[in-house]
Amino acid sequence: MRIISQDSRIDLPYNRIMFCIEGVLVTARNDGKQYLIGKYSTEEKAIKAMKMCIEKYQGFLQKVIACLTIRRYSGFQQMMRFRERGRNERAKQKESDNQKADERGKDI
């Protein structure tokens, strides 16, 4: 998730910044630098904006975790289907080998 400043001049990765509220200003610190993200009419509005970002990020993380879980589960299912297919092929091969051995035994 990205955080873009009110004037769209700053675009930072959310997971690498630290938000700060300084009165009516919301700033972000990243790699030793400080950036102005937004200026609000009251400190309460600045706090509300920051809380909204936190809530959005938590929702974003939940979606990412859900996607990763689904992918992992899908990968596991594919792996199990592949294993089952291999077992079936080995069982068919063994059955075929047994039939051939039986046929050879009848010829003698």
PDB file of N, CA and C in Angstrom:
ATOM      1  N   MET A   1       0.852  -1.173   0.000  1.00  0.00           N
ATOM      2  CA  MET A   1       0.000   0.000   0.000  1.00  0.00           C
ATOM      3  C   MET A   1       0.890   1.226   0.000  1.00  0.00           C
ATOM      4  N   ARG A   2       0.443   2.256  -0.681  1.00  0.00           N
ATOM      5  CA  ARG A   2       1.206   3.489  -0.803  1.00  0.00           C
ATOM      6  C   ARG A   2       0.464   4.644  -0.127  1.00  0.00           C
ATOM      7  N   ILE A   3       1.206   5.587   0.379  1.00  0.00           N
ATOM      8  CA  ILE A   3       0.643   6.811   0.941  1.00  0.00           C
ATOM      9  C   ILE A   3       1.058   7.952   0.020  1.00  0.00           C
ATOM     10  N   ILE A   4       0.070   8.689  -0.456  1.00  0.00           N
ATOM     11  CA  ILE A   4       0.321   9.812  -1.350  1.00  0.00           C
ATOM     12  C   ILE A   4      -0.106  11.081  -0.623  1.00  0.00           C
ATOM     13  N   SER A   5       0.742  12.088  -0.663  1.00  0.00           N
ATOM     14  CA  SER A   5       0.454  13.334   0.043  1.00  0.00           C
ATOM     15  C   SER A   5      -0.741  14.056  -0.590  1.00  0.00           C
ATOM     16  N   GLN A   6      -1.290  15.017   0.158  1.00  0.00           N
ATOM     17  CA  GLN A   6      -2.445  15.789  -0.335  1.00  0.00           C
ATOM     18  C   GLN A   6      -2.160  16.454  -1.673  1.00  0.00           C
ATOM     19  N   ASP A   7      -0.952  16.939  -1.855  1.00  0.00           N
ATOM     20  CA  ASP A   7      -0.623  17.629  -3.110  1.00  0.00           C
ATOM     21  C   ASP A   7      -0.086  16.674  -4.186  1.00  0.00           C
ATOM     22  N   SER A   8      -0.090  15.383  -3.889  1.00  0.00           N
ATOM     23  CA  SER A   8       0.337  14.313  -4.819  1.00  0.00           C
ATOM     24  C   SER A   8       1.811  14.378  -5.208  1.00  0.00           C
ATOM     25  N   ARG A   9       2.594  15.089  -4.457  1.00  0.00           N
ATOM     26  CA  ARG A   9       4.024  15.196  -4.782  1.00  0.00           C
ATOM     27  C   ARG A   9       4.858  14.124  -4.103  1.00  0.00           C
ATOM     28  N   ILE A  10       4.287  13.510  -3.076  1.00  0.00           N
ATOM     29  CA  ILE A  10       5.037  12.516  -2.312  1.00  0.00           C
ATOM     30  C   ILE A  10       4.268  11.201  -2.341  1.00  0.00           C
ATOM     31  N   ASP A  11       4.984  10.127  -2.631  1.00  0.00           N
ATOM     32  CA  ASP A  11       4.413   8.787  -2.713  1.00  0.00           C
ATOM     33  C   ASP A  11       5.367   7.853  -1.970  1.00  0.00           C
ATOM     34  N   LEU A  12       4.911   7.331  -0.832  1.00  0.00           N
ATOM     35  CA  LEU A  12       5.769   6.500   0.010  1.00  0.00           C
ATOM     36  C   LEU A  12       5.115   5.151   0.287  1.00  0.00           C
ATOM     37  N   PRO A  13       5.927   4.113   0.502  1.00  0.00           N
ATOM     38  CA  PRO A  13       5.365   2.817   0.886  1.00  0.00           C
ATOM     39  C   PRO A  13       4.926   2.863   2.356  1.00  0.00           C
ATOM     40  N   TYR A  14       3.683   2.497   2.619  1.00  0.00           N
ATOM     41  CA  TYR A  14       3.131   2.597   3.968  1.00  0.00           C
ATOM     42  C   TYR A  14       3.946   1.797   4.972  1.00  0.00           C
ATOM     43  N   ASN A  15       4.374   0.602   4.585  1.00  0.00           N
ATOM     44  CA  ASN A  15       5.049  -0.270   5.549  1.00  0.00           C
ATOM     45  C   ASN A  15       6.469   0.184   5.889  1.00  0.00           C
ATOM     46  N   ARG A  16       6.944   1.272   5.289  1.00  0.00           N
ATOM     47  CA  ARG A  16       8.295   1.763   5.583  1.00  0.00           C
ATOM     48  C   ARG A  16       8.303   3.170   6.167  1.00  0.00           C
ATOM     49  N   ILE A  17       7.138   3.678   6.570  1.00  0.00           N
ATOM     50  CA  ILE A  17       7.099   5.044   7.117  1.00  0.00           C
ATOM     51  C   ILE A  17       6.584   5.046   8.543  1.00  0.00           C
ATOM     52  N   MET A  18       6.851   6.153   9.217  1.00  0.00           N
ATOM     53  CA  MET A  18       6.316   6.384  10.551  1.00  0.00           C
ATOM     54  C   MET A  18       5.540   7.699  10.483  1.00  0.00           C
ATOM     55  N   PHE A  19       4.254   7.625  10.797  1.00  0.00           N
ATOM     56  CA  PHE A  19       3.417   8.828  10.791  1.00  0.00           C
ATOM     57  C   PHE A  19       3.654   9.638  12.053  1.00  0.00           C
ATOM     58  N   CYS A  20       3.566  10.954  11.912  1.00  0.00           N
ATOM     59  CA  CYS A  20       3.654  11.860  13.059  1.00  0.00           C
ATOM     60  C   CYS A  20       2.597  12.948  12.886  1.00  0.00           C
ATOM     61  N   ILE A  21       1.970  13.307  13.993  1.00  0.00           N
ATOM     62  CA  ILE A  21       1.033  14.423  13.977  1.00  0.00           C
ATOM     63  C   ILE A  21       1.676  15.549  14.766  1.00  0.00           C
ATOM     64  N   GLU A  22       1.804  16.669  14.108  1.00  0.00           N
ATOM     65  CA  GLU A  22       2.385  17.853  14.726  1.00  0.00           C
ATOM     66  C   GLU A  22       1.373  18.978  14.596  1.00  0.00           C
ATOM     67  N   GLY A  23       0.432  19.014  15.534  1.00  0.00           N
ATOM     68  CA  GLY A  23      -0.654  20.001  15.467  1.00  0.00           C
ATOM     69  C   GLY A  23      -1.601  19.644  14.335  1.00  0.00           C
ATOM     70  N   VAL A  24      -1.661  20.490  13.323  1.00  0.00           N
ATOM     71  CA  VAL A  24      -2.565  20.247  12.194  1.00  0.00           C
ATOM     72  C   VAL A  24      -1.842  19.575  11.021  1.00  0.00           C
ATOM     73  N   LEU A  25      -0.568  19.264  11.210  1.00  0.00           N
ATOM     74  CA  LEU A  25       0.223  18.635  10.144  1.00  0.00           C
ATOM     75  C   LEU A  25       0.369  17.134  10.373  1.00  0.00           C
ATOM     76  N   VAL A  26       0.249  16.375   9.297  1.00  0.00           N
ATOM     77  CA  VAL A  26       0.569  14.949   9.332  1.00  0.00           C
ATOM     78  C   VAL A  26       1.827  14.798   8.495  1.00  0.00           C
ATOM     79  N   THR A  27       2.865  14.276   9.141  1.00  0.00           N
ATOM     80  CA  THR A  27       4.125  14.065   8.440  1.00  0.00           C
ATOM     81  C   THR A  27       4.460  12.580   8.465  1.00  0.00           C
ATOM     82  N   ALA A  28       5.360  12.195   7.582  1.00  0.00           N
ATOM     83  CA  ALA A  28       5.831  10.815   7.540  1.00  0.00           C
ATOM     84  C   ALA A  28       7.342  10.838   7.548  1.00  0.00           C
ATOM     85  N   ARG A  29       7.923   9.945   8.294  1.00  0.00           N
ATOM     86  CA  ARG A  29       9.379   9.826   8.333  1.00  0.00           C
ATOM     87  C   ARG A  29       9.763   8.528   7.646  1.00  0.00           C
ATOM     88  N   ASN A  30      10.767   8.650   6.773  1.00  0.00           N
ATOM     89  CA  ASN A  30      11.236   7.488   6.019  1.00  0.00           C
ATOM     90  C   ASN A  30      12.718   7.688   5.711  1.00  0.00           C
ATOM     91  N   ASP A  31      13.527   6.716   6.074  1.00  0.00           N
ATOM     92  CA  ASP A  31      14.963   6.750   5.808  1.00  0.00           C
ATOM     93  C   ASP A  31      15.621   8.052   6.278  1.00  0.00           C
ATOM     94  N   GLY A  32      15.256   8.506   7.467  1.00  0.00           N
ATOM     95  CA  GLY A  32      15.867   9.690   8.040  1.00  0.00           C
ATOM     96  C   GLY A  32      15.339  11.017   7.510  1.00  0.00           C
ATOM     97  N   LYS A  33      14.387  10.969   6.601  1.00  0.00           N
ATOM     98  CA  LYS A  33      13.815  12.205   6.051  1.00  0.00           C
ATOM     99  C   LYS A  33      12.383  12.350   6.530  1.00  0.00           C
ATOM    100  N   GLN A  34      11.918  13.591   6.579  1.00  0.00           N
ATOM    101  CA  GLN A  34      10.548  13.868   7.005  1.00  0.00           C
ATOM    102  C   GLN A  34       9.794  14.527   5.850  1.00  0.00           C
ATOM    103  N   TYR A  35       8.572  14.045   5.604  1.00  0.00           N
ATOM    104  CA  TYR A  35       7.762  14.533   4.493  1.00  0.00           C
ATOM    105  C   TYR A  35       6.412  15.033   5.013  1.00  0.00           C
ATOM    106  N   LEU A  36       5.930  16.129   4.453  1.00  0.00           N
ATOM    107  CA  LEU A  36       4.597  16.628   4.782  1.00  0.00           C
ATOM    108  C   LEU A  36       3.584  15.844   3.945  1.00  0.00           C
ATOM    109  N   ILE A  37       2.712  15.153   4.628  1.00  0.00           N
ATOM    110  CA  ILE A  37       1.689  14.346   3.953  1.00  0.00           C
ATOM    111  C   ILE A  37       0.401  15.154   3.782  1.00  0.00           C
ATOM    112  N   GLY A  38       0.036  15.897   4.813  1.00  0.00           N
ATOM    113  CA  GLY A  38      -1.179  16.685   4.714  1.00  0.00           C
ATOM    114  C   GLY A  38      -1.263  17.753   5.781  1.00  0.00           C
ATOM    115  N   LYS A  39      -2.055  18.777   5.491  1.00  0.00           N
ATOM    116  CA  LYS A  39      -2.306  19.855   6.446  1.00  0.00           C
ATOM    117  C   LYS A  39      -3.809  19.958   6.610  1.00  0.00           C
ATOM    118  N   TYR A  40      -4.277  19.932   7.857  1.00  0.00           N
ATOM    119  CA  TYR A  40      -5.708  19.908   8.149  1.00  0.00           C
ATOM    120  C   TYR A  40      -6.111  21.143   8.954  1.00  0.00           C
ATOM    121  N   SER A  41      -7.395  21.414   8.983  1.00  0.00           N
ATOM    122  CA  SER A  41      -7.886  22.618   9.668  1.00  0.00           C
ATOM    123  C   SER A  41      -7.816  22.490  11.188  1.00  0.00           C
ATOM    124  N   THR A  42      -7.901  21.250  11.695  1.00  0.00           N
ATOM    125  CA  THR A  42      -7.798  21.033  13.146  1.00  0.00           C
ATOM    126  C   THR A  42      -6.950  19.793  13.416  1.00  0.00           C
ATOM    127  N   GLU A  43      -6.453  19.704  14.635  1.00  0.00           N
ATOM    128  CA  GLU A  43      -5.663  18.531  15.021  1.00  0.00           C
ATOM    129  C   GLU A  43      -6.537  17.271  15.008  1.00  0.00           C
ATOM    130  N   GLU A  44      -7.832  17.423  15.369  1.00  0.00           N
ATOM    131  CA  GLU A  44      -8.745  16.282  15.363  1.00  0.00           C
ATOM    132  C   GLU A  44      -8.885  15.702  13.953  1.00  0.00           C
ATOM    133  N   LYS A  45      -8.945  16.559  12.938  1.00  0.00           N
ATOM    134  CA  LYS A  45      -9.053  16.083  11.552  1.00  0.00           C
ATOM    135  C   LYS A  45      -7.756  15.399  11.114  1.00  0.00           C
ATOM    136  N   ALA A  46      -6.628  15.897  11.593  1.00  0.00           N
ATOM    137  CA  ALA A  46      -5.346  15.264  11.284  1.00  0.00           C
ATOM    138  C   ALA A  46      -5.301  13.858  11.885  1.00  0.00           C
ATOM    139  N   ILE A  47      -5.756  13.740  13.137  1.00  0.00           N
ATOM    140  CA  ILE A  47      -5.804  12.432  13.800  1.00  0.00           C
ATOM    141  C   ILE A  47      -6.757  11.502  13.063  1.00  0.00           C
ATOM    142  N   LYS A  48      -7.914  12.012  12.662  1.00  0.00           N
ATOM    143  CA  LYS A  48      -8.891  11.197  11.932  1.00  0.00           C
ATOM    144  C   LYS A  48      -8.300  10.691  10.613  1.00  0.00           C
ATOM    145  N   ALA A  49      -7.581  11.546   9.898  1.00  0.00           N
ATOM    146  CA  ALA A  49      -6.959  11.142   8.627  1.00  0.00           C
ATOM    147  C   ALA A  49      -5.939  10.028   8.863  1.00  0.00           C
ATOM    148  N   MET A  50      -5.163  10.164   9.923  1.00  0.00           N
ATOM    149  CA  MET A  50      -4.168   9.142  10.230  1.00  0.00           C
ATOM    150  C   MET A  50      -4.840   7.824  10.603  1.00  0.00           C
ATOM    151  N   LYS A  51      -5.913   7.892  11.381  1.00  0.00           N
ATOM    152  CA  LYS A  51      -6.650   6.675  11.755  1.00  0.00           C
ATOM    153  C   LYS A  51      -7.240   5.994  10.518  1.00  0.00           C
ATOM    154  N   MET A  52      -7.704   6.792   9.568  1.00  0.00           N
ATOM    155  CA  MET A  52      -8.250   6.225   8.331  1.00  0.00           C
ATOM    156  C   MET A  52      -7.172   5.454   7.570  1.00  0.00           C
ATOM    157  N   CYS A  53      -5.967   5.994   7.547  1.00  0.00           N
ATOM    158  CA  CYS A  53      -4.858   5.304   6.879  1.00  0.00           C
ATOM    159  C   CYS A  53      -4.556   3.976   7.577  1.00  0.00           C
ATOM    160  N   ILE A  54      -4.547   4.005   8.895  1.00  0.00           N
ATOM    161  CA  ILE A  54      -4.278   2.788   9.662  1.00  0.00           C
ATOM    162  C   ILE A  54      -5.340   1.734   9.374  1.00  0.00           C
ATOM    163  N   GLU A  55      -6.613   2.132   9.379  1.00  0.00           N
ATOM    164  CA  GLU A  55      -7.701   1.188   9.108  1.00  0.00           C
ATOM    165  C   GLU A  55      -7.603   0.609   7.703  1.00  0.00           C
ATOM    166  N   LYS A  56      -7.304   1.466   6.721  1.00  0.00           N
ATOM    167  CA  LYS A  56      -7.154   0.985   5.341  1.00  0.00           C
ATOM    168  C   LYS A  56      -6.007  -0.004   5.238  1.00  0.00           C
ATOM    169  N   TYR A  57      -4.903   0.295   5.924  1.00  0.00           N
ATOM    170  CA  TYR A  57      -3.744  -0.595   5.861  1.00  0.00           C
ATOM    171  C   TYR A  57      -4.063  -1.941   6.497  1.00  0.00           C
ATOM    172  N   GLN A  58      -4.782  -1.930   7.620  1.00  0.00           N
ATOM    173  CA  GLN A  58      -5.156  -3.193   8.257  1.00  0.00           C
ATOM    174  C   GLN A  58      -6.044  -4.013   7.329  1.00  0.00           C
ATOM    175  N   GLY A  59      -6.983  -3.369   6.641  1.00  0.00           N
ATOM    176  CA  GLY A  59      -7.824  -4.062   5.666  1.00  0.00           C
ATOM    177  C   GLY A  59      -6.996  -4.602   4.516  1.00  0.00           C
ATOM    178  N   PHE A  60      -6.020  -3.811   4.071  1.00  0.00           N
ATOM    179  CA  PHE A  60      -5.120  -4.231   3.001  1.00  0.00           C
ATOM    180  C   PHE A  60      -4.335  -5.468   3.433  1.00  0.00           C
ATOM    181  N   LEU A  61      -3.811  -5.460   4.654  1.00  0.00           N
ATOM    182  CA  LEU A  61      -3.049  -6.609   5.149  1.00  0.00           C
ATOM    183  C   LEU A  61      -3.919  -7.859   5.218  1.00  0.00           C
ATOM    184  N   GLN A  62      -5.156  -7.704   5.675  1.00  0.00           N
ATOM    185  CA  GLN A  62      -6.049  -8.857   5.755  1.00  0.00           C
ATOM    186  C   GLN A  62      -6.295  -9.450   4.373  1.00  0.00           C
ATOM    187  N   LYS A  63      -6.449  -8.594   3.357  1.00  0.00           N
ATOM    188  CA  LYS A  63      -6.651  -9.088   1.992  1.00  0.00           C
ATOM    189  C   LYS A  63      -5.403  -9.804   1.487  1.00  0.00           C
ATOM    190  N   VAL A  64      -4.229  -9.246   1.778  1.00  0.00           N
ATOM    191  CA  VAL A  64      -2.977  -9.872   1.348  1.00  0.00           C
ATOM    192  C   VAL A  64      -2.823 -11.237   2.001  1.00  0.00           C
ATOM    193  N   ILE A  65      -3.092 -11.309   3.301  1.00  0.00           N
ATOM    194  CA  ILE A  65      -2.972 -12.579   4.016  1.00  0.00           C
ATOM    195  C   ILE A  65      -3.964 -13.590   3.456  1.00  0.00           C
ATOM    196  N   ALA A  66      -5.190 -13.150   3.179  1.00  0.00           N
ATOM    197  CA  ALA A  66      -6.194 -14.054   2.603  1.00  0.00           C
ATOM    198  C   ALA A  66      -5.736 -14.571   1.245  1.00  0.00           C
ATOM    199  N   CYS A  67      -5.183 -13.697   0.405  1.00  0.00           N
ATOM    200  CA  CYS A  67      -4.698 -14.114  -0.919  1.00  0.00           C
ATOM    201  C   CYS A  67      -3.557 -15.115  -0.790  1.00  0.00           C
ATOM    202  N   LEU A  68      -2.631 -14.844   0.123  1.00  0.00           N
ATOM    203  CA  LEU A  68      -1.505 -15.763   0.310  1.00  0.00           C
ATOM    204  C   LEU A  68      -1.982 -17.113   0.819  1.00  0.00           C
ATOM    205  N   THR A  69      -2.968 -17.100   1.711  1.00  0.00           N
ATOM    206  CA  THR A  69      -3.512 -18.345   2.237  1.00  0.00           C
ATOM    207  C   THR A  69      -4.177 -19.147   1.123  1.00  0.00           C
ATOM    208  N   ILE A  70      -4.944 -18.463   0.289  1.00  0.00           N
ATOM    209  CA  ILE A  70      -5.612 -19.144  -0.826  1.00  0.00           C
ATOM    210  C   ILE A  70      -4.574 -19.709  -1.786  1.00  0.00           C
ATOM    211  N   ARG A  71      -3.554 -18.926  -2.106  1.00  0.00           N
ATOM    212  CA  ARG A  71      -2.510 -19.415  -3.009  1.00  0.00           C
ATOM    213  C   ARG A  71      -1.804 -20.622  -2.421  1.00  0.00           C
ATOM    214  N   ARG A  72      -1.481 -20.545  -1.133  1.00  0.00           N
ATOM    215  CA  ARG A  72      -0.793 -21.661  -0.478  1.00  0.00           C
ATOM    216  C   ARG A  72      -1.684 -22.896  -0.512  1.00  0.00           C
ATOM    217  N   TYR A  73      -2.982 -22.724  -0.212  1.00  0.00           N
ATOM    218  CA  TYR A  73      -3.910 -23.846  -0.226  1.00  0.00           C
ATOM    219  C   TYR A  73      -4.044 -24.409  -1.633  1.00  0.00           C
ATOM    220  N   SER A  74      -4.134 -23.520  -2.642  1.00  0.00           N
ATOM    221  CA  SER A  74      -4.238 -23.971  -4.038  1.00  0.00           C
ATOM    222  C   SER A  74      -2.985 -24.737  -4.442  1.00  0.00           C
ATOM    223  N   GLY A  75      -1.837 -24.223  -4.038  1.00  0.00           N
ATOM    224  CA  GLY A  75      -0.582 -24.913  -4.332  1.00  0.00           C
ATOM    225  C   GLY A  75      -0.535 -26.274  -3.679  1.00  0.00           C
ATOM    226  N   PHE A  76      -1.022 -26.357  -2.440  1.00  0.00           N
ATOM    227  CA  PHE A  76      -1.068 -27.633  -1.730  1.00  0.00           C
ATOM    228  C   PHE A  76      -1.991 -28.603  -2.457  1.00  0.00           C
ATOM    229  N   GLN A  77      -3.163 -28.109  -2.902  1.00  0.00           N
ATOM    230  CA  GLN A  77      -4.093 -28.973  -3.634  1.00  0.00           C
ATOM    231  C   GLN A  77      -3.450 -29.475  -4.924  1.00  0.00           C
ATOM    232  N   GLN A  78      -2.755 -28.611  -5.642  1.00  0.00           N
ATOM    233  CA  GLN A  78      -2.105 -29.030  -6.882  1.00  0.00           C
ATOM    234  C   GLN A  78      -1.037 -30.075  -6.601  1.00  0.00           C
ATOM    235  N   MET A  79      -0.292 -29.871  -5.532  1.00  0.00           N
ATOM    236  CA  MET A  79       0.733 -30.834  -5.170  1.00  0.00           C
ATOM    237  C   MET A  79       0.108 -32.183  -4.850  1.00  0.00           C
ATOM    238  N   MET A  80      -1.003 -32.185  -4.119  1.00  0.00           N
ATOM    239  CA  MET A  80      -1.664 -33.439  -3.762  1.00  0.00           C
ATOM    240  C   MET A  80      -2.224 -34.130  -5.004  1.00  0.00           C
ATOM    241  N   ARG A  81      -2.797 -33.355  -5.946  1.00  0.00           N
ATOM    242  CA  ARG A  81      -3.294 -33.945  -7.191  1.00  0.00           C
ATOM    243  C   ARG A  81      -2.147 -34.563  -7.976  1.00  0.00           C
ATOM    244  N   PHE A  82      -0.994 -33.882  -8.000  1.00  0.00           N
ATOM    245  CA  PHE A  82       0.171 -34.393  -8.708  1.00  0.00           C
ATOM    246  C   PHE A  82       0.641 -35.700  -8.071  1.00  0.00           C
ATOM    247  N   ARG A  83       0.688 -35.727  -6.739  1.00  0.00           N
ATOM    248  CA  ARG A  83       1.087 -36.953  -6.030  1.00  0.00           C
ATOM    249  C   ARG A  83       0.117 -38.085  -6.310  1.00  0.00           C
ATOM    250  N   GLU A  84      -1.178 -37.773  -6.268  1.00  0.00           N
ATOM    251  CA  GLU A  84      -2.199 -38.792  -6.506  1.00  0.00           C
ATOM    252  C   GLU A  84      -2.087 -39.329  -7.936  1.00  0.00           C
ATOM    253  N   ARG A  85      -1.857 -38.422  -8.877  1.00  0.00           N
ATOM    254  CA  ARG A  85      -1.695 -38.833 -10.265  1.00  0.00           C
ATOM    255  C   ARG A  85      -0.499 -39.771 -10.393  1.00  0.00           C
ATOM    256  N   GLY A  86       0.600 -39.456  -9.720  1.00  0.00           N
ATOM    257  CA  GLY A  86       1.791 -40.309  -9.740  1.00  0.00           C
ATOM    258  C   GLY A  86       1.509 -41.672  -9.142  1.00  0.00           C
ATOM    259  N   ARG A  87       0.777 -41.694  -8.035  1.00  0.00           N
ATOM    260  CA  ARG A  87       0.419 -42.977  -7.418  1.00  0.00           C
ATOM    261  C   ARG A  87      -0.435 -43.810  -8.365  1.00  0.00           C
ATOM    262  N   ASN A  88      -1.403 -43.162  -8.991  1.00  0.00           N
ATOM    263  CA  ASN A  88      -2.274 -43.879  -9.928  1.00  0.00           C
ATOM    264  C   ASN A  88      -1.469 -44.441 -11.092  1.00  0.00           C
ATOM    265  N   GLU A  89      -0.551 -43.651 -11.617  1.00  0.00           N
ATOM    266  CA  GLU A  89       0.269 -44.121 -12.738  1.00  0.00           C
ATOM    267  C   GLU A  89       1.155 -45.283 -12.307  1.00  0.00           C
ATOM    268  N   ARG A  90       1.726 -45.212 -11.097  1.00  0.00           N
ATOM    269  CA  ARG A  90       2.556 -46.317 -10.612  1.00  0.00           C
ATOM    270  C   ARG A  90       1.714 -47.572 -10.394  1.00  0.00           C
ATOM    271  N   ALA A  91       0.491 -47.399  -9.874  1.00  0.00           N
ATOM    272  CA  ALA A  91      -0.395 -48.545  -9.659  1.00  0.00           C
ATOM    273  C   ALA A  91      -0.771 -49.182 -10.998  1.00  0.00           C
ATOM    274  N   LYS A  92      -1.066 -48.363 -11.998  1.00  0.00           N
ATOM    275  CA  LYS A  92      -1.401 -48.891 -13.330  1.00  0.00           C
ATOM    276  C   LYS A  92      -0.202 -49.619 -13.927  1.00  0.00           C
ATOM    277  N   GLN A  93       0.987 -49.060 -13.759  1.00  0.00           N
ATOM    278  CA  GLN A  93       2.198 -49.691 -14.284  1.00  0.00           C
ATOM    279  C   GLN A  93       2.426 -51.033 -13.598  1.00  0.00           C
ATOM    280  N   LYS A  94       2.231 -51.089 -12.288  1.00  0.00           N
ATOM    281  CA  LYS A  94       2.428 -52.330 -11.540  1.00  0.00           C
ATOM    282  C   LYS A  94       1.420 -53.376 -11.989  1.00  0.00           C
ATOM    283  N   GLU A  95       0.172 -52.958 -12.181  1.00  0.00           N
ATOM    284  CA  GLU A  95      -0.866 -53.869 -12.652  1.00  0.00           C
ATOM    285  C   GLU A  95      -0.528 -54.399 -14.045  1.00  0.00           C
ATOM    286  N   SER A  96      -0.057 -53.522 -14.910  1.00  0.00           N
ATOM    287  CA  SER A  96       0.339 -53.917 -16.263  1.00  0.00           C
ATOM    288  C   SER A  96       1.502 -54.910 -16.206  1.00  0.00           C
ATOM    289  N   ASP A  97       2.488 -54.646 -15.351  1.00  0.00           N
ATOM    290  CA  ASP A  97       3.627 -55.551 -15.202  1.00  0.00           C
ATOM    291  C   ASP A  97       3.167 -56.916 -14.699  1.00  0.00           C
ATOM    292  N   ASN A  98       2.234 -56.918 -13.745  1.00  0.00           N
ATOM    293  CA  ASN A  98       1.713 -58.185 -13.208  1.00  0.00           C
ATOM    294  C   ASN A  98       0.975 -58.978 -14.292  1.00  0.00           C
ATOM    295  N   GLN A  99       0.198 -58.284 -15.116  1.00  0.00           N
ATOM    296  CA  GLN A  99      -0.517 -58.953 -16.202  1.00  0.00           C
ATOM    297  C   GLN A  99       0.465 -59.558 -17.197  1.00  0.00           C
ATOM    298  N   LYS A 100       1.507 -58.821 -17.525  1.00  0.00           N
ATOM    299  CA  LYS A 100       2.518 -59.335 -18.450  1.00  0.00           C
ATOM    300  C   LYS A 100       3.205 -60.556 -17.862  1.00  0.00           C
ATOM    301  N   ALA A 101       3.507 -60.516 -16.571  1.00  0.00           N
ATOM    302  CA  ALA A 101       4.143 -61.663 -15.907  1.00  0.00           C
ATOM    303  C   ALA A 101       3.210 -62.863 -15.914  1.00  0.00           C
ATOM    304  N   ASP A 102       1.909 -62.619 -15.681  1.00  0.00           N
ATOM    305  CA  ASP A 102       0.929 -63.709 -15.702  1.00  0.00           C
ATOM    306  C   ASP A 102       0.851 -64.325 -17.094  1.00  0.00           C
ATOM    307  N   GLU A 103       0.871 -63.472 -18.115  1.00  0.00           N
ATOM    308  CA  GLU A 103       0.805 -63.966 -19.496  1.00  0.00           C
ATOM    309  C   GLU A 103       2.044 -64.773 -19.844  1.00  0.00           C
ATOM    310  N   ARG A 104       3.193 -64.350 -19.381  1.00  0.00           N
ATOM    311  CA  ARG A 104       4.424 -65.107 -19.613  1.00  0.00           C
ATOM    312  C   ARG A 104       4.377 -66.450 -18.910  1.00  0.00           C
ATOM    313  N   GLY A 105       3.764 -66.462 -17.713  1.00  0.00           N
ATOM    314  CA  GLY A 105       3.647 -67.698 -16.945  1.00  0.00           C
ATOM    315  C   GLY A 105       2.725 -68.683 -17.644  1.00  0.00           C
ATOM    316  N   LYS A 106       1.706 -68.201 -18.305  1.00  0.00           N
ATOM    317  CA  LYS A 106       0.768 -69.070 -19.037  1.00  0.00           C
ATOM    318  C   LYS A 106       1.413 -69.661 -20.270  1.00  0.00           C
ATOM    319  N   ASP A 107       2.343 -68.949 -20.884  1.00  0.00           N
ATOM    320  CA  ASP A 107       3.001 -69.411 -22.085  1.00  0.00           C
ATOM    321  C   ASP A 107       3.933 -70.594 -21.815  1.00  0.00           C
ATOM    322  N   ILE A 108       4.397 -70.722 -20.618  1.00  0.00           N
ATOM    323  CA  ILE A 108       5.370 -71.774 -20.290  1.00  0.00           C
ATOM    324  C   ILE A 108       4.728 -73.111 -20.148  1.00  0.00           C
TER     325      ILE A 108
END
